[in-house]
PDB file of N, CA and C in Angstrom:
ATOM      1  N   UNK A   1      27.637  29.517  47.612  1.00  0.00           N
ATOM      2  CA  UNK A   1      28.039  28.654  46.529  1.00  0.00           C
ATOM      3  C   UNK A   1      29.525  28.869  46.252  1.00  0.00           C
ATOM      4  N   UNK A   2      30.246  27.756  46.082  1.00  0.00           N
ATOM      5  CA  UNK A   2      31.686  27.838  45.848  1.00  0.00           C
ATOM      6  C   UNK A   2      31.955  28.147  44.380  1.00  0.00           C
ATOM      7  N   UNK A   3      32.982  28.915  44.151  1.00  0.00           N
ATOM      8  CA  UNK A   3      33.339  29.242  42.776  1.00  0.00           C
ATOM      9  C   UNK A   3      34.185  28.113  42.187  1.00  0.00           C
ATOM     10  N   UNK A   4      34.286  28.105  40.884  1.00  0.00           N
ATOM     11  CA  UNK A   4      35.024  27.066  40.176  1.00  0.00           C
ATOM     12  C   UNK A   4      36.507  27.114  40.512  1.00  0.00           C
ATOM     13  N   UNK A   5      37.046  28.291  40.794  1.00  0.00           N
ATOM     14  CA  UNK A   5      38.475  28.413  41.086  1.00  0.00           C
ATOM     15  C   UNK A   5      38.857  27.691  42.375  1.00  0.00           C
ATOM     16  N   UNK A   6      37.893  27.456  43.269  1.00  0.00           N
ATOM     17  CA  UNK A   6      38.200  26.723  44.497  1.00  0.00           C
ATOM     18  C   UNK A   6      38.390  25.230  44.229  1.00  0.00           C
ATOM     19  N   UNK A   7      37.853  24.721  43.108  1.00  0.00           N
ATOM     20  CA  UNK A   7      37.970  23.308  42.779  1.00  0.00           C
ATOM     21  C   UNK A   7      39.150  23.019  41.860  1.00  0.00           C
ATOM     22  N   UNK A   8      39.594  24.006  41.116  1.00  0.00           N
ATOM     23  CA  UNK A   8      40.668  23.783  40.154  1.00  0.00           C
ATOM     24  C   UNK A   8      42.015  23.671  40.847  1.00  0.00           C
ATOM     25  N   UNK A   9      42.863  22.806  40.338  1.00  0.00           N
ATOM     26  CA  UNK A   9      44.248  22.623  40.775  1.00  0.00           C
ATOM     27  C   UNK A   9      44.362  22.290  42.260  1.00  0.00           C
ATOM     28  N   UNK A  10      43.390  21.579  42.786  1.00  0.00           N
ATOM     29  CA  UNK A  10      43.463  21.120  44.162  1.00  0.00           C
ATOM     30  C   UNK A  10      44.266  19.822  44.195  1.00  0.00           C
ATOM     31  N   UNK A  11      45.148  19.634  45.166  1.00  0.00           N
ATOM     32  CA  UNK A  11      45.934  18.404  45.220  1.00  0.00           C
ATOM     33  C   UNK A  11      45.040  17.210  45.564  1.00  0.00           C
ATOM     34  N   UNK A  12      45.395  16.067  44.998  1.00  0.00           N
ATOM     35  CA  UNK A  12      44.655  14.839  45.284  1.00  0.00           C
ATOM     36  C   UNK A  12      45.157  14.271  46.607  1.00  0.00           C
ATOM     37  N   UNK A  13      44.329  13.469  47.224  1.00  0.00           N
ATOM     38  CA  UNK A  13      44.727  12.814  48.472  1.00  0.00           C
ATOM     39  C   UNK A  13      45.826  11.795  48.191  1.00  0.00           C
ATOM     40  N   UNK A  14      46.623  11.445  49.207  1.00  0.00           N
ATOM     41  CA  UNK A  14      47.703  10.476  49.017  1.00  0.00           C
ATOM     42  C   UNK A  14      47.176   9.109  48.627  1.00  0.00           C
ATOM     43  N   UNK A  15      45.993   8.774  49.075  1.00  0.00           N
ATOM     44  CA  UNK A  15      45.416   7.459  48.766  1.00  0.00           C
ATOM     45  C   UNK A  15      44.499   7.515  47.545  1.00  0.00           C
ATOM     46  N   UNK A  16      44.583   8.560  46.750  1.00  0.00           N
ATOM     47  CA  UNK A  16      43.706   8.717  45.584  1.00  0.00           C
ATOM     48  C   UNK A  16      44.023   7.628  44.562  1.00  0.00           C
ATOM     49  N   UNK A  17      42.982   7.036  43.998  1.00  0.00           N
ATOM     50  CA  UNK A  17      43.157   5.941  43.052  1.00  0.00           C
ATOM     51  C   UNK A  17      42.625   6.313  41.669  1.00  0.00           C
ATOM     52  N   UNK A  18      42.630   7.598  41.353  1.00  0.00           N
ATOM     53  CA  UNK A  18      42.154   7.997  40.027  1.00  0.00           C
ATOM     54  C   UNK A  18      43.225   7.672  38.978  1.00  0.00           C
ATOM     55  N   UNK A  19      42.853   7.768  37.711  1.00  0.00           N
ATOM     56  CA  UNK A  19      43.779   7.402  36.641  1.00  0.00           C
ATOM     57  C   UNK A  19      44.982   8.339  36.569  1.00  0.00           C
ATOM     58  N   UNK A  20      44.791   9.606  36.898  1.00  0.00           N
ATOM     59  CA  UNK A  20      45.900  10.556  36.854  1.00  0.00           C
ATOM     60  C   UNK A  20      46.937  10.200  37.913  1.00  0.00           C
ATOM     61  N   UNK A  21      46.491   9.965  39.129  1.00  0.00           N
ATOM     62  CA  UNK A  21      47.420   9.619  40.207  1.00  0.00           C
ATOM     63  C   UNK A  21      48.085   8.272  39.955  1.00  0.00           C
ATOM     64  N   UNK A  22      47.344   7.308  39.421  1.00  0.00           N
ATOM     65  CA  UNK A  22      47.918   5.990  39.135  1.00  0.00           C
ATOM     66  C   UNK A  22      49.018   6.116  38.080  1.00  0.00           C
ATOM     67  N   UNK A  23      48.785   6.938  37.053  1.00  0.00           N
ATOM     68  CA  UNK A  23      49.785   7.120  36.004  1.00  0.00           C
ATOM     69  C   UNK A  23      51.036   7.782  36.559  1.00  0.00           C
ATOM     70  N   UNK A  24      50.873   8.747  37.422  1.00  0.00           N
ATOM     71  CA  UNK A  24      52.035   9.407  38.014  1.00  0.00           C
ATOM     72  C   UNK A  24      52.841   8.450  38.887  1.00  0.00           C
ATOM     73  N   UNK A  25      52.172   7.506  39.545  1.00  0.00           N
ATOM     74  CA  UNK A  25      52.882   6.539  40.379  1.00  0.00           C
ATOM     75  C   UNK A  25      53.581   5.468  39.556  1.00  0.00           C
ATOM     76  N   UNK A  26      52.959   5.020  38.471  1.00  0.00           N
ATOM     77  CA  UNK A  26      53.451   3.865  37.721  1.00  0.00           C
ATOM     78  C   UNK A  26      54.458   4.210  36.627  1.00  0.00           C
ATOM     79  N   UNK A  27      54.262   5.297  35.936  1.00  0.00           N
ATOM     80  CA  UNK A  27      55.089   5.622  34.774  1.00  0.00           C
ATOM     81  C   UNK A  27      56.229   6.531  35.185  1.00  0.00           C
ATOM     82  N   UNK A  28      57.481   6.131  34.895  1.00  0.00           N
ATOM     83  CA  UNK A  28      58.589   7.036  35.194  1.00  0.00           C
ATOM     84  C   UNK A  28      58.563   8.219  34.223  1.00  0.00           C
ATOM     85  N   UNK A  29      58.870   9.379  34.718  1.00  0.00           N
ATOM     86  CA  UNK A  29      58.841  10.591  33.909  1.00  0.00           C
ATOM     87  C   UNK A  29      60.172  10.723  33.169  1.00  0.00           C
ATOM     88  N   UNK A  30      60.084  10.794  31.855  1.00  0.00           N
ATOM     89  CA  UNK A  30      61.259  10.995  31.015  1.00  0.00           C
ATOM     90  C   UNK A  30      61.244  12.461  30.604  1.00  0.00           C
ATOM     91  N   UNK A  31      62.268  13.188  30.970  1.00  0.00           N
ATOM     92  CA  UNK A  31      62.306  14.616  30.672  1.00  0.00           C
ATOM     93  C   UNK A  31      62.388  14.868  29.168  1.00  0.00           C
ATOM     94  N   UNK A  32      63.220  14.128  28.484  1.00  0.00           N
ATOM     95  CA  UNK A  32      63.370  14.313  27.055  1.00  0.00           C
ATOM     96  C   UNK A  32      63.835  13.004  26.443  1.00  0.00           C
ATOM     97  N   UNK A  33      63.312  12.700  25.259  1.00  0.00           N
ATOM     98  CA  UNK A  33      63.739  11.481  24.590  1.00  0.00           C
ATOM     99  C   UNK A  33      65.183  11.572  24.123  1.00  0.00           C
ATOM    100  N   UNK A  34      65.693  12.790  23.963  1.00  0.00           N
ATOM    101  CA  UNK A  34      67.056  12.952  23.491  1.00  0.00           C
ATOM    102  C   UNK A  34      68.073  12.675  24.575  1.00  0.00           C
ATOM    103  N   UNK A  35      67.669  12.555  25.815  1.00  0.00           N
ATOM    104  CA  UNK A  35      68.605  12.221  26.881  1.00  0.00           C
ATOM    105  C   UNK A  35      68.935  10.733  26.884  1.00  0.00           C
ATOM    106  N   UNK A  36      68.187   9.952  26.137  1.00  0.00           N
ATOM    107  CA  UNK A  36      68.408   8.513  26.127  1.00  0.00           C
ATOM    108  C   UNK A  36      69.672   8.133  25.366  1.00  0.00           C
ATOM    109  N   UNK A  37      70.096   8.947  24.425  1.00  0.00           N
ATOM    110  CA  UNK A  37      71.214   8.571  23.566  1.00  0.00           C
ATOM    111  C   UNK A  37      72.091   9.791  23.314  1.00  0.00           C
ATOM    112  N   UNK A  38      73.392   9.613  23.408  1.00  0.00           N
ATOM    113  CA  UNK A  38      74.302  10.735  23.169  1.00  0.00           C
ATOM    114  C   UNK A  38      74.596  10.921  21.680  1.00  0.00           C
ATOM    115  N   UNK A  39      74.198   9.960  20.828  1.00  0.00           N
ATOM    116  CA  UNK A  39      74.461  10.061  19.396  1.00  0.00           C
ATOM    117  C   UNK A  39      73.327  10.730  18.622  1.00  0.00           C
ATOM    118  N   UNK A  40      72.123  10.745  19.197  1.00  0.00           N
ATOM    119  CA  UNK A  40      70.972  11.353  18.532  1.00  0.00           C
ATOM    120  C   UNK A  40      70.911  12.841  18.855  1.00  0.00           C
ATOM    121  N   UNK A  41      70.586  13.648  17.842  1.00  0.00           N
ATOM    122  CA  UNK A  41      70.477  15.092  18.035  1.00  0.00           C
ATOM    123  C   UNK A  41      69.240  15.587  17.302  1.00  0.00           C
ATOM    124  N   UNK A  42      68.411  16.387  17.974  1.00  0.00           N
ATOM    125  CA  UNK A  42      67.225  16.913  17.294  1.00  0.00           C
ATOM    126  C   UNK A  42      67.616  18.002  16.300  1.00  0.00           C
ATOM    127  N   UNK A  43      66.796  18.156  15.287  1.00  0.00           N
ATOM    128  CA  UNK A  43      67.016  19.241  14.339  1.00  0.00           C
ATOM    129  C   UNK A  43      66.541  20.550  14.932  1.00  0.00           C
ATOM    130  N   UNK A  44      67.078  21.641  14.440  1.00  0.00           N
ATOM    131  CA  UNK A  44      66.634  22.944  14.914  1.00  0.00           C
ATOM    132  C   UNK A  44      66.793  23.986  13.810  1.00  0.00           C
ATOM    133  N   UNK A  45      66.056  25.060  13.972  1.00  0.00           N
ATOM    134  CA  UNK A  45      66.069  26.162  13.012  1.00  0.00           C
ATOM    135  C   UNK A  45      66.579  27.394  13.730  1.00  0.00           C
ATOM    136  N   UNK A  46      67.521  28.074  13.124  1.00  0.00           N
ATOM    137  CA  UNK A  46      68.049  29.298  13.705  1.00  0.00           C
ATOM    138  C   UNK A  46      68.169  30.353  12.604  1.00  0.00           C
ATOM    139  N   UNK A  47      68.299  31.591  13.013  1.00  0.00           N
ATOM    140  CA  UNK A  47      68.463  32.693  12.074  1.00  0.00           C
ATOM    141  C   UNK A  47      69.903  33.170  12.119  1.00  0.00           C
ATOM    142  N   UNK A  48      70.562  33.157  10.953  1.00  0.00           N
ATOM    143  CA  UNK A  48      71.943  33.612  10.834  1.00  0.00           C
ATOM    144  C   UNK A  48      71.982  34.692   9.770  1.00  0.00           C
ATOM    145  N   UNK A  49      72.354  35.900  10.165  1.00  0.00           N
ATOM    146  CA  UNK A  49      72.429  37.046   9.251  1.00  0.00           C
ATOM    147  C   UNK A  49      71.111  37.261   8.502  1.00  0.00           C
ATOM    148  N   UNK A  50      69.996  37.101   9.192  1.00  0.00           N
ATOM    149  CA  UNK A  50      68.688  37.323   8.588  1.00  0.00           C
ATOM    150  C   UNK A  50      68.185  36.177   7.732  1.00  0.00           C
ATOM    151  N   UNK A  51      68.909  35.092   7.652  1.00  0.00           N
ATOM    152  CA  UNK A  51      68.486  33.936   6.864  1.00  0.00           C
ATOM    153  C   UNK A  51      68.267  32.755   7.787  1.00  0.00           C
ATOM    154  N   UNK A  52      67.306  31.918   7.436  1.00  0.00           N
ATOM    155  CA  UNK A  52      67.022  30.739   8.240  1.00  0.00           C
ATOM    156  C   UNK A  52      68.068  29.667   7.979  1.00  0.00           C
ATOM    157  N   UNK A  53      68.612  29.117   9.044  1.00  0.00           N
ATOM    158  CA  UNK A  53      69.575  28.040   8.953  1.00  0.00           C
ATOM    159  C   UNK A  53      68.927  26.802   9.565  1.00  0.00           C
ATOM    160  N   UNK A  54      68.725  25.767   8.768  1.00  0.00           N
ATOM    161  CA  UNK A  54      68.051  24.552   9.221  1.00  0.00           C
ATOM    162  C   UNK A  54      69.087  23.454   9.387  1.00  0.00           C
ATOM    163  N   UNK A  55      69.135  22.878  10.583  1.00  0.00           N
ATOM    164  CA  UNK A  55      70.010  21.742  10.851  1.00  0.00           C
ATOM    165  C   UNK A  55      69.112  20.518  10.994  1.00  0.00           C
ATOM    166  N   UNK A  56      69.186  19.559  10.075  1.00  0.00           N
ATOM    167  CA  UNK A  56      68.305  18.404  10.155  1.00  0.00           C
ATOM    168  C   UNK A  56      68.679  17.509  11.331  1.00  0.00           C
ATOM    169  N   UNK A  57      67.725  16.739  11.833  1.00  0.00           N
ATOM    170  CA  UNK A  57      68.034  15.851  12.959  1.00  0.00           C
ATOM    171  C   UNK A  57      68.912  14.694  12.509  1.00  0.00           C
ATOM    172  N   UNK A  58      69.680  14.163  13.436  1.00  0.00           N
ATOM    173  CA  UNK A  58      70.475  12.968  13.158  1.00  0.00           C
ATOM    174  C   UNK A  58      70.130  11.911  14.195  1.00  0.00           C
ATOM    175  N   UNK A  59      69.997  10.691  13.751  1.00  0.00           N
ATOM    176  CA  UNK A  59      69.587   9.594  14.616  1.00  0.00           C
ATOM    177  C   UNK A  59      70.625   8.483  14.574  1.00  0.00           C
ATOM    178  N   UNK A  60      70.754   7.769  15.673  1.00  0.00           N
ATOM    179  CA  UNK A  60      71.582   6.569  15.673  1.00  0.00           C
ATOM    180  C   UNK A  60      70.750   5.428  15.087  1.00  0.00           C
ATOM    181  N   UNK A  61      71.370   4.281  14.880  1.00  0.00           N
ATOM    182  CA  UNK A  61      70.666   3.153  14.271  1.00  0.00           C
ATOM    183  C   UNK A  61      69.538   2.641  15.165  1.00  0.00           C
ATOM    184  N   UNK A  62      69.676   2.776  16.465  1.00  0.00           N
ATOM    185  CA  UNK A  62      68.653   2.279  17.390  1.00  0.00           C
ATOM    186  C   UNK A  62      67.406   3.147  17.373  1.00  0.00           C
ATOM    187  N   UNK A  63      67.567   4.451  17.318  1.00  0.00           N
ATOM    188  CA  UNK A  63      66.441   5.367  17.437  1.00  0.00           C
ATOM    189  C   UNK A  63      65.950   5.915  16.099  1.00  0.00           C
ATOM    190  N   UNK A  64      66.465   5.443  14.993  1.00  0.00           N
ATOM    191  CA  UNK A  64      66.035   5.935  13.693  1.00  0.00           C
ATOM    192  C   UNK A  64      64.573   5.554  13.471  1.00  0.00           C
ATOM    193  N   UNK A  65      63.718   6.528  13.115  1.00  0.00           N
ATOM    194  CA  UNK A  65      62.302   6.202  12.918  1.00  0.00           C
ATOM    195  C   UNK A  65      62.099   5.320  11.704  1.00  0.00           C
ATOM    196  N   UNK A  66      61.030   4.551  11.732  1.00  0.00           N
ATOM    197  CA  UNK A  66      60.717   3.660  10.631  1.00  0.00           C
ATOM    198  C   UNK A  66      60.315   4.419   9.387  1.00  0.00           C
ATOM    199  N   UNK A  67      60.216   3.683   8.287  1.00  0.00           N
ATOM    200  CA  UNK A  67      59.824   4.293   7.027  1.00  0.00           C
ATOM    201  C   UNK A  67      58.385   4.795   7.130  1.00  0.00           C
ATOM    202  N   UNK A  68      58.141   5.928   6.538  1.00  0.00           N
ATOM    203  CA  UNK A  68      56.794   6.485   6.562  1.00  0.00           C
ATOM    204  C   UNK A  68      55.886   5.701   5.625  1.00  0.00           C
ATOM    205  N   UNK A  69      54.605   5.662   5.915  1.00  0.00           N
ATOM    206  CA  UNK A  69      53.691   4.992   4.992  1.00  0.00           C
ATOM    207  C   UNK A  69      53.625   5.760   3.673  1.00  0.00           C
ATOM    208  N   UNK A  70      53.231   5.105   2.605  1.00  0.00           N
ATOM    209  CA  UNK A  70      53.165   5.800   1.318  1.00  0.00           C
ATOM    210  C   UNK A  70      52.124   6.913   1.350  1.00  0.00           C
ATOM    211  N   UNK A  71      52.360   7.926   0.551  1.00  0.00           N
ATOM    212  CA  UNK A  71      51.420   9.042   0.490  1.00  0.00           C
ATOM    213  C   UNK A  71      50.116   8.563  -0.140  1.00  0.00           C
ATOM    214  N   UNK A  72      49.058   9.298   0.131  1.00  0.00           N
ATOM    215  CA  UNK A  72      47.724   8.861  -0.264  1.00  0.00           C
ATOM    216  C   UNK A  72      47.592   8.660  -1.766  1.00  0.00           C
ATOM    217  N   UNK A  73      48.109   9.604  -2.559  1.00  0.00           N
ATOM    218  CA  UNK A  73      47.863   9.501  -3.986  1.00  0.00           C
ATOM    219  C   UNK A  73      48.652   8.380  -4.640  1.00  0.00           C
ATOM    220  N   UNK A  74      49.658   7.880  -3.985  1.00  0.00           N
ATOM    221  CA  UNK A  74      50.378   6.737  -4.525  1.00  0.00           C
ATOM    222  C   UNK A  74      49.652   5.441  -4.206  1.00  0.00           C
ATOM    223  N   UNK A  75      48.785   5.462  -3.215  1.00  0.00           N
ATOM    224  CA  UNK A  75      48.059   4.262  -2.816  1.00  0.00           C
ATOM    225  C   UNK A  75      46.824   4.057  -3.683  1.00  0.00           C
ATOM    226  N   UNK A  76      46.205   5.132  -4.096  1.00  0.00           N
ATOM    227  CA  UNK A  76      44.974   5.043  -4.884  1.00  0.00           C
ATOM    228  C   UNK A  76      45.289   4.417  -6.230  1.00  0.00           C
ATOM    229  N   UNK A  77      44.485   3.429  -6.602  1.00  0.00           N
ATOM    230  CA  UNK A  77      44.735   2.760  -7.880  1.00  0.00           C
ATOM    231  C   UNK A  77      44.309   3.665  -9.034  1.00  0.00           C
ATOM    232  N   UNK A  78      44.942   3.487 -10.158  1.00  0.00           N
ATOM    233  CA  UNK A  78      44.633   4.283 -11.335  1.00  0.00           C
ATOM    234  C   UNK A  78      43.443   3.646 -12.025  1.00  0.00           C
ATOM    235  N   UNK A  79      42.306   4.323 -12.034  1.00  0.00           N
ATOM    236  CA  UNK A  79      41.094   3.746 -12.611  1.00  0.00           C
ATOM    237  C   UNK A  79      40.765   4.355 -13.960  1.00  0.00           C
ATOM    238  N   UNK A  80      41.675   5.085 -14.526  1.00  0.00           N
ATOM    239  CA  UNK A  80      41.453   5.647 -15.849  1.00  0.00           C
ATOM    240  C   UNK A  80      41.294   7.149 -15.828  1.00  0.00           C
ATOM    241  N   UNK A  81      40.779   7.673 -16.928  1.00  0.00           N
ATOM    242  CA  UNK A  81      40.610   9.114 -17.048  1.00  0.00           C
ATOM    243  C   UNK A  81      39.532   9.595 -16.089  1.00  0.00           C
ATOM    244  N   UNK A  82      39.704  10.771 -15.499  1.00  0.00           N
ATOM    245  CA  UNK A  82      38.666  11.287 -14.607  1.00  0.00           C
ATOM    246  C   UNK A  82      37.416  11.674 -15.391  1.00  0.00           C
ATOM    247  N   UNK A  83      36.270  11.394 -14.802  1.00  0.00           N
ATOM    248  CA  UNK A  83      34.993  11.718 -15.425  1.00  0.00           C
ATOM    249  C   UNK A  83      34.358  12.868 -14.668  1.00  0.00           C
ATOM    250  N   UNK A  84      34.085  13.981 -15.312  1.00  0.00           N
ATOM    251  CA  UNK A  84      33.467  15.087 -14.591  1.00  0.00           C
ATOM    252  C   UNK A  84      32.023  14.757 -14.225  1.00  0.00           C
ATOM    253  N   UNK A  85      31.553  15.334 -13.132  1.00  0.00           N
ATOM    254  CA  UNK A  85      30.185  15.123 -12.690  1.00  0.00           C
ATOM    255  C   UNK A  85      29.274  16.045 -13.486  1.00  0.00           C
ATOM    256  N   UNK A  86      28.318  15.466 -14.178  1.00  0.00           N
ATOM    257  CA  UNK A  86      27.345  16.239 -14.936  1.00  0.00           C
ATOM    258  C   UNK A  86      25.969  15.832 -14.437  1.00  0.00           C
ATOM    259  N   UNK A  87      25.243  16.745 -13.784  1.00  0.00           N
ATOM    260  CA  UNK A  87      23.908  16.375 -13.307  1.00  0.00           C
ATOM    261  C   UNK A  87      22.948  16.165 -14.473  1.00  0.00           C
ATOM    262  N   UNK A  88      22.099  15.173 -14.339  1.00  0.00           N
ATOM    263  CA  UNK A  88      21.121  14.880 -15.374  1.00  0.00           C
ATOM    264  C   UNK A  88      19.873  15.719 -15.121  1.00  0.00           C
ATOM    265  N   UNK A  89      19.605  16.629 -15.999  1.00  0.00           N
ATOM    266  CA  UNK A  89      18.434  17.489 -15.896  1.00  0.00           C
ATOM    267  C   UNK A  89      17.804  17.622 -17.276  1.00  0.00           C
ATOM    268  N   UNK A  90      16.565  17.926 -17.243  1.00  0.00           N
ATOM    269  CA  UNK A  90      15.873  18.190 -18.506  1.00  0.00           C
ATOM    270  C   UNK A  90      16.300  19.554 -19.017  1.00  0.00           C
ATOM    271  N   UNK A  91      16.546  19.690 -20.292  1.00  0.00           N
ATOM    272  CA  UNK A  91      16.921  21.009 -20.820  1.00  0.00           C
ATOM    273  C   UNK A  91      15.742  21.977 -20.732  1.00  0.00           C
ATOM    274  N   UNK A  92      16.043  23.243 -20.497  1.00  0.00           N
ATOM    275  CA  UNK A  92      14.999  24.261 -20.413  1.00  0.00           C
ATOM    276  C   UNK A  92      14.488  24.585 -21.814  1.00  0.00           C
ATOM    277  N   UNK A  93      13.205  24.787 -21.855  1.00  0.00           N
ATOM    278  CA  UNK A  93      12.639  25.251 -23.118  1.00  0.00           C
ATOM    279  C   UNK A  93      12.794  26.766 -23.184  1.00  0.00           C
ATOM    280  N   UNK A  94      12.662  27.280 -24.342  1.00  0.00           N
ATOM    281  CA  UNK A  94      12.843  28.713 -24.543  1.00  0.00           C
ATOM    282  C   UNK A  94      11.803  29.489 -23.736  1.00  0.00           C
ATOM    283  N   UNK A  95      12.278  30.404 -22.858  1.00  0.00           N
ATOM    284  CA  UNK A  95      11.381  31.256 -22.105  1.00  0.00           C
ATOM    285  C   UNK A  95      10.908  30.653 -20.788  1.00  0.00           C
ATOM    286  N   UNK A  96      11.268  29.433 -20.448  1.00  0.00           N
ATOM    287  CA  UNK A  96      10.812  28.806 -19.205  1.00  0.00           C
ATOM    288  C   UNK A  96      11.834  29.074 -18.103  1.00  0.00           C
ATOM    289  N   UNK A  97      11.362  29.455 -16.942  1.00  0.00           N
ATOM    290  CA  UNK A  97      12.221  29.699 -15.789  1.00  0.00           C
ATOM    291  C   UNK A  97      11.922  28.681 -14.704  1.00  0.00           C
ATOM    292  N   UNK A  98      12.787  28.630 -13.727  1.00  0.00           N
ATOM    293  CA  UNK A  98      12.552  27.731 -12.604  1.00  0.00           C
ATOM    294  C   UNK A  98      11.390  28.227 -11.866  1.00  0.00           C
TER     295      UNK A  98
END
């Protein structure tokens, strides 16, 4: 019986038509999105004298991301004062247990 390690990471045939091989043939590999533009720079965090130094990212007008959707609590409509959940049960009589 063959072990699993003999099947892992085996090269596909040149004529293989699986989805992985098709994607490798059709889609050009982009090493980094930041290579597309010389004006865009990713943000990074570094330590200077024991303190964190954060440099925010900068984007050109072409690559600037769109506005984020509103946060959840701003979307929920205001329906009034919150009502606590109170289960409806019969009150216990004196000396009665479950």
